[in-house]
Each structure stands twice: as structure tokens, then as C-alpha cells.
Amino acid sequence: MSKSPDIIIYTDGSSRGNPGPGGWGAIIAYNNGESKVESVKSKVREIGGGDKHTTNNKMELSAAIEALSYVRDMGGEYTIDMHVDSQYVINGITKWVAGWEKNNWMTSKKEEVLNRDLWEPLAEVVADLQMSGCKISWHYTPGHAGIEGNDRADIIATMFADDDIPKLFNGDRNAYKVDLVPHAGDPKLLASKKLKSKSKSGVKAYSYLSLVNGKLEKHSSWAECEKRVKGVRGTKFKKSVSAEDERAIIKEWGF
């Protein structure tokens, strides 16, 4: 059985419009007694922030930067599990950044790297932690799949995006009500998510959503939604079955 990481981190970003007002959230949990810094032993710290004009990807990057910077500033040598629901962040930091740096922050298409102002500090904090002896493992966490750590990070991010400042936890791990154990890629959770998706066809619609030329609209009936998307290339449309499901779809589309 593999040893548990010293630190578990969940991060998420959100934006209301892309661009639009946005927020980011992170949970930093030190496992029982693993920290060499007395003040954070067996502790959980929630952090978050917002921006009045940003994008979802910028907020995802900001969450990762701020969470890892917090760990770096505490000092110490740790194994760190990063749970992120953004493939953009994971692919960027594990596959693309090294090439971008070699090519003076130009892509393979000879274009400037988007969000360089955030990729550089993320690469820097990762390098700092690795030089201090930390080992970081990056895990893709599917959003809205019942993973409580991701769900809580999402709540923090969306509340900041809505300028509704949440109460952030900072205390003992034993007093933290969020279960951080179900990790990304849990087959049971993924199977459950697929089952829920398949079962939507027989459930009464809460709303219908359409995305045409970058503009999102909500519809009360399928006929109304179909009228907007029919014959238009590159559109997206989806049925939601609850307010929560509607919010999840909107976030999935980058709003």
C-alpha cells in the first residue's frame, strides 16, 4: 500500500463569462503530523480570491499558483498531491512549459503563449518546491463527480466570482467537514457520473442551454432551444435537470 502524501491540495477556478468576473479557490490539507512546521501540523487551510475581469483558465492557474506558494512559504520538504479539474493546467505544467521556456515562450505555431504572466510564476513555484526536496504529483479530478474536495474548491471559487466572500476554514483537520479522501479518477465516482448522464433522458428538464457564436442562452423548452441551434455550425446545446446541473453545464462550457 502506497504511503499517503504529506499534503493534499484541491484547486478550482471559475468565471461568469469568459472573460468576466471570476474567482479561484484552494484547499491545503496537511496529513496527520506530517508538517515540519509546528503551526500547520494536521491543519487544513482554505484560500481564495477573485478578479473583476478574467477568464476561467486564468483562475484555474491562479488557484494552483496560490496554493503551491502557500506551501513554499511555510517551508519544509513534502510529498504533495495536487488535485485539479483543469486539463489545461495539468498538461501545461507537466508537458508544455519546458518547451515554452526553451522557445522563449512561443508555441510550436510561433505564437506567444497565452497566459504567460501566470504560467511563469507557476513554473517558478514548482521549481522552487522541487529544489527544496518536495515531490509534486498532479491528478486530474473530474468536476461535479461527487469528489468533496473539488466541490468545496468550486464553491469557494464561484462565491468569489459572484463577489460573495465565503467564510474560509483554517483549523484542525479533525474539525474539517469536507471528506478529502476520494481522489481523482475513482472508478466508482466516474461510473456514477456516466450513469447520471445516461439517465437524464427520462428526467423532466429544468432548462435547455444553447451556445451560439460564444453567446450562452437559457430556454424553457426544447422547441425554443432547437429553433436557435438548428442549422448553425459549431453550436452546443444541452438539457439540464436541476439548478445544480445547469450550473455544472455552464461551467463546463467555460462560463
Protein backbone atom coordinates (compact mmCIF):
# COMPACT_ATOMS: atom_id res chain seq x y z
CA MET A 1 0.00 0.00 0.00
CA SER A 2 1.46 3.36 -1.02
CA LYS A 3 2.20 5.99 1.60
CA SER A 4 -0.26 8.87 1.86
CA PRO A 5 1.06 12.24 0.66
CA ASP A 6 2.17 14.76 3.26
CA ILE A 7 -0.08 17.41 1.72
CA ILE A 8 -3.31 17.14 -0.30
CA ILE A 9 -4.39 20.15 -2.34
CA TYR A 10 -7.62 20.73 -4.27
CA THR A 11 -7.90 23.75 -6.56
CA ASP A 12 -10.55 25.21 -8.84
CA GLY A 13 -11.27 28.34 -10.85
CA SER A 14 -14.47 29.93 -12.09
CA SER A 15 -15.59 32.82 -14.26
CA ARG A 16 -19.00 34.32 -15.00
CA GLY A 17 -18.46 34.88 -18.68
CA ASN A 18 -15.20 34.22 -20.44
CA PRO A 19 -13.96 36.88 -19.86
CA GLY A 20 -15.97 38.16 -16.93
CA PRO A 21 -15.84 38.32 -13.13
CA GLY A 22 -14.05 35.29 -11.74
CA GLY A 23 -12.74 33.57 -8.66
CA TRP A 24 -10.40 30.84 -7.52
CA GLY A 25 -10.37 28.54 -4.52
CA ALA A 26 -7.99 26.04 -2.93
CA ILE A 27 -7.87 23.62 -0.02
CA ILE A 28 -4.48 22.79 1.52
CA ALA A 29 -4.54 19.85 3.93
CA TYR A 30 -1.53 18.64 5.90
CA ASN A 31 -1.80 14.97 6.81
CA ASN A 32 -1.59 13.96 10.46
CA GLY A 33 1.57 15.39 11.94
CA GLU A 34 3.45 15.38 8.63
CA SER A 35 4.39 19.06 8.58
CA LYS A 36 7.75 20.04 9.99
CA VAL A 37 6.26 23.46 10.70
CA GLU A 38 4.50 23.22 14.07
CA SER A 39 1.82 25.81 13.24
CA VAL A 40 0.33 23.77 10.37
CA LYS A 41 0.58 20.20 11.67
CA SER A 42 -2.66 18.30 10.96
CA LYS A 43 -4.22 21.52 9.68
CA VAL A 44 -6.48 22.48 6.80
CA ARG A 45 -6.40 25.92 5.23
CA GLU A 46 -8.86 27.24 2.65
CA ILE A 47 -7.79 30.17 0.49
CA GLY A 48 -9.40 32.05 -2.36
CA GLY A 49 -9.64 35.26 -4.31
CA GLY A 50 -11.26 36.96 -7.26
CA ASP A 51 -10.86 39.26 -10.22
CA LYS A 52 -13.44 41.55 -11.80
CA HIS A 53 -12.35 40.79 -15.38
CA THR A 54 -10.71 37.44 -16.08
CA THR A 55 -11.13 34.01 -17.66
CA ASN A 56 -11.72 30.52 -16.32
CA ASN A 57 -8.21 29.38 -17.30
CA LYS A 58 -6.62 32.35 -15.54
CA MET A 59 -8.49 31.50 -12.35
CA GLU A 60 -7.50 27.81 -12.59
CA LEU A 61 -3.86 28.86 -12.90
CA SER A 62 -4.17 31.38 -10.07
CA ALA A 63 -5.55 28.71 -7.73
CA ALA A 64 -2.59 26.41 -8.39
CA ILE A 65 -0.05 29.24 -8.01
CA GLU A 66 -1.50 30.49 -4.72
CA ALA A 67 -1.84 27.01 -3.18
CA LEU A 68 1.71 25.97 -4.00
CA SER A 69 3.08 29.37 -2.98
CA TYR A 70 1.44 28.91 0.42
CA VAL A 71 3.24 25.57 0.87
CA ARG A 72 6.55 27.02 -0.32
CA ASP A 73 6.29 29.94 2.08
CA MET A 74 5.68 27.58 5.02
CA GLY A 75 8.96 25.81 4.28
CA GLY A 76 9.70 22.10 4.53
CA GLU A 77 10.13 19.04 2.34
CA TYR A 78 6.91 17.24 1.39
CA THR A 79 5.16 14.90 -0.99
CA ILE A 80 2.27 16.90 -2.45
CA ASP A 81 -0.81 15.60 -4.27
CA MET A 82 -2.38 18.29 -6.48
CA HIS A 83 -6.00 17.59 -7.47
CA VAL A 84 -7.07 19.84 -10.34
CA ASP A 85 -10.12 19.68 -12.63
CA SER A 86 -8.37 21.56 -15.45
CA GLN A 87 -6.56 19.53 -18.11
CA TYR A 88 -5.18 22.86 -19.35
CA VAL A 89 -3.27 23.36 -16.09
CA ILE A 90 -2.09 19.75 -15.80
CA ASN A 91 -0.94 19.44 -19.42
CA GLY A 92 0.68 22.86 -19.30
CA ILE A 93 2.78 22.29 -16.19
CA THR A 94 3.68 18.64 -16.91
CA LYS A 95 4.09 18.67 -20.71
CA TRP A 96 4.23 22.11 -22.30
CA VAL A 97 6.06 24.54 -20.00
CA ALA A 98 9.56 23.13 -20.57
CA GLY A 99 9.18 23.56 -24.33
CA TRP A 100 7.73 27.04 -23.98
CA GLU A 101 10.67 28.13 -21.85
CA LYS A 102 13.18 26.74 -24.38
CA ASN A 103 11.37 28.55 -27.21
CA ASN A 104 11.28 31.89 -25.37
CA TRP A 105 7.60 31.45 -24.53
CA MET A 106 6.48 30.78 -28.08
CA THR A 107 4.24 27.88 -29.10
CA SER A 108 5.05 25.36 -31.82
CA LYS A 109 2.98 27.57 -34.14
CA LYS A 110 5.31 30.51 -33.38
CA GLU A 111 2.62 32.31 -31.41
CA GLU A 112 3.03 33.89 -27.97
CA VAL A 113 1.97 31.61 -25.13
CA LEU A 114 -1.39 32.68 -23.77
CA ASN A 115 -1.40 33.50 -20.03
CA ARG A 116 2.40 33.64 -19.87
CA ASP A 117 2.06 36.06 -16.94
CA LEU A 118 0.62 33.15 -14.93
CA TRP A 119 2.50 30.21 -16.41
CA GLU A 120 5.84 31.76 -15.44
CA PRO A 121 5.04 32.12 -11.72
CA LEU A 122 3.51 28.62 -11.67
CA ALA A 123 6.65 27.14 -13.23
CA GLU A 124 8.75 29.14 -10.76
CA VAL A 125 6.94 27.97 -7.62
CA VAL A 126 7.02 24.35 -8.84
CA ALA A 127 10.78 24.63 -9.45
CA ASP A 128 11.30 26.21 -6.01
CA LEU A 129 9.45 23.37 -4.29
CA GLN A 130 11.32 20.71 -6.25
CA MET A 131 14.66 22.32 -5.39
CA SER A 132 13.71 22.21 -1.70
CA GLY A 133 13.10 18.46 -1.98
CA CYS A 134 9.33 18.43 -2.49
CA LYS A 135 7.73 15.95 -4.87
CA ILE A 136 4.53 17.07 -6.61
CA SER A 137 2.07 14.63 -8.19
CA TRP A 138 -0.61 16.10 -10.48
CA HIS A 139 -4.00 14.38 -10.62
CA TYR A 140 -6.94 15.19 -12.88
CA THR A 141 -10.12 15.43 -10.80
CA PRO A 142 -13.38 15.35 -12.79
CA GLY A 143 -15.57 18.26 -11.77
CA HIS A 144 -19.03 17.67 -10.28
CA ALA A 145 -18.37 13.95 -9.80
CA GLY A 146 -19.08 13.85 -6.07
CA ILE A 147 -15.47 14.48 -5.02
CA GLU A 148 -15.95 16.65 -1.96
CA GLY A 149 -12.58 18.41 -2.09
CA ASN A 150 -13.20 19.54 -5.66
CA ASP A 151 -16.79 20.51 -4.88
CA ARG A 152 -15.67 22.69 -1.96
CA ALA A 153 -12.93 24.37 -4.03
CA ASP A 154 -15.57 25.06 -6.69
CA ILE A 155 -17.89 26.67 -4.13
CA ILE A 156 -15.09 28.95 -2.91
CA ALA A 157 -14.20 29.94 -6.49
CA THR A 158 -17.77 30.63 -7.60
CA MET A 159 -18.56 32.65 -4.47
CA PHE A 160 -15.57 34.90 -5.12
CA ALA A 161 -16.66 35.18 -8.77
CA ASP A 162 -20.07 36.36 -7.52
CA ASP A 163 -18.41 38.82 -5.10
CA ASP A 164 -19.94 36.85 -2.22
CA ILE A 165 -16.93 36.37 0.06
CA PRO A 166 -17.10 32.91 1.69
CA LYS A 167 -16.08 32.02 5.21
CA LEU A 168 -12.79 30.17 4.77
CA PHE A 169 -11.77 27.34 7.08
CA ASN A 170 -8.44 27.47 8.89
CA GLY A 171 -8.12 24.88 11.62
CA ASP A 172 -7.63 21.29 12.70
CA ARG A 173 -8.04 18.52 10.14
CA ASN A 174 -10.30 16.61 12.53
CA ALA A 175 -12.75 19.53 12.62
CA TYR A 176 -12.94 19.87 8.83
CA LYS A 177 -16.26 18.59 7.50
CA VAL A 178 -15.14 18.01 3.90
CA ASP A 179 -14.01 14.47 3.05
CA LEU A 180 -10.70 14.76 1.20
CA VAL A 181 -10.18 11.01 0.73
CA PRO A 182 -11.99 10.25 -2.60
CA HIS A 183 -9.24 11.04 -5.08
CA ALA A 184 -9.42 11.94 -8.74
CA GLY A 185 -10.11 9.09 -11.12
CA ASP A 186 -12.05 6.98 -8.60
CA PRO A 187 -13.70 4.39 -10.92
CA LYS A 188 -16.87 4.26 -8.82
CA LEU A 189 -17.31 8.03 -8.98
CA LEU A 190 -16.66 8.14 -12.71
CA ALA A 191 -19.10 5.28 -13.31
CA SER A 192 -21.69 7.10 -11.20
CA LYS A 193 -21.18 10.27 -13.25
CA LYS A 194 -21.69 8.37 -16.52
CA LEU A 195 -24.80 6.67 -15.14
CA LYS A 196 -26.29 10.03 -14.15
CA SER A 197 -25.58 11.39 -17.61
CA LYS A 198 -27.32 8.45 -19.29
CA SER A 199 -30.34 8.73 -17.01
CA LYS A 200 -31.08 12.35 -17.97
CA SER A 201 -33.16 11.33 -20.97
CA GLY A 202 -36.03 10.20 -18.79
CA VAL A 203 -35.96 13.13 -16.37
CA LYS A 204 -38.04 16.29 -16.71
CA ALA A 205 -35.97 19.21 -17.96
CA TYR A 206 -35.10 22.06 -15.63
CA SER A 207 -33.85 24.11 -18.59
CA TYR A 208 -32.22 23.86 -22.01
CA LEU A 209 -28.95 25.64 -22.69
CA SER A 210 -27.53 26.74 -26.02
CA LEU A 211 -24.21 28.26 -27.01
CA VAL A 212 -24.12 30.02 -30.38
CA ASN A 213 -21.20 32.16 -31.54
CA GLY A 214 -19.93 32.38 -27.97
CA LYS A 215 -23.26 33.60 -26.56
CA LEU A 216 -24.99 31.47 -23.92
CA GLU A 217 -28.78 31.42 -23.60
CA LYS A 218 -31.24 29.52 -21.40
CA HIS A 219 -34.52 28.16 -22.76
CA SER A 220 -37.65 26.88 -21.08
CA SER A 221 -38.45 24.37 -23.85
CA TRP A 222 -36.63 22.16 -26.32
CA ALA A 223 -38.55 23.75 -29.21
CA GLU A 224 -37.15 27.16 -28.27
CA CYS A 225 -33.61 25.78 -27.94
CA GLU A 226 -33.85 23.82 -31.20
CA LYS A 227 -35.00 26.91 -33.08
CA ARG A 228 -31.83 28.73 -32.02
CA VAL A 229 -29.31 26.00 -32.84
CA LYS A 230 -30.83 24.26 -35.86
CA GLY A 231 -28.71 24.65 -38.97
CA VAL A 232 -25.99 26.66 -37.19
CA ARG A 233 -22.47 25.20 -37.23
CA GLY A 234 -20.31 24.89 -34.13
CA THR A 235 -23.16 25.23 -31.64
CA LYS A 236 -23.58 23.49 -28.30
CA PHE A 237 -26.85 22.60 -26.62
CA LYS A 238 -27.73 20.58 -23.57
CA LYS A 239 -30.60 19.71 -21.27
CA SER A 240 -30.23 20.35 -17.54
CA VAL A 241 -32.31 18.54 -14.93
CA SER A 242 -31.71 20.79 -11.90
CA ALA A 243 -30.26 24.15 -10.91
CA GLU A 244 -27.04 22.39 -9.85
CA ASP A 245 -26.85 20.53 -13.16
CA GLU A 246 -27.42 23.79 -15.04
CA ARG A 247 -24.54 25.47 -13.18
CA ALA A 248 -22.28 22.48 -13.91
CA ILE A 249 -23.01 22.65 -17.66
CA ILE A 250 -22.41 26.40 -17.75
CA LYS A 251 -19.07 25.93 -16.00
CA GLU A 252 -18.15 23.05 -18.33
CA TRP A 253 -18.65 25.45 -21.24
CA GLY A 254 -16.29 27.98 -19.67
CA PHE A 255 -18.77 30.49 -18.24
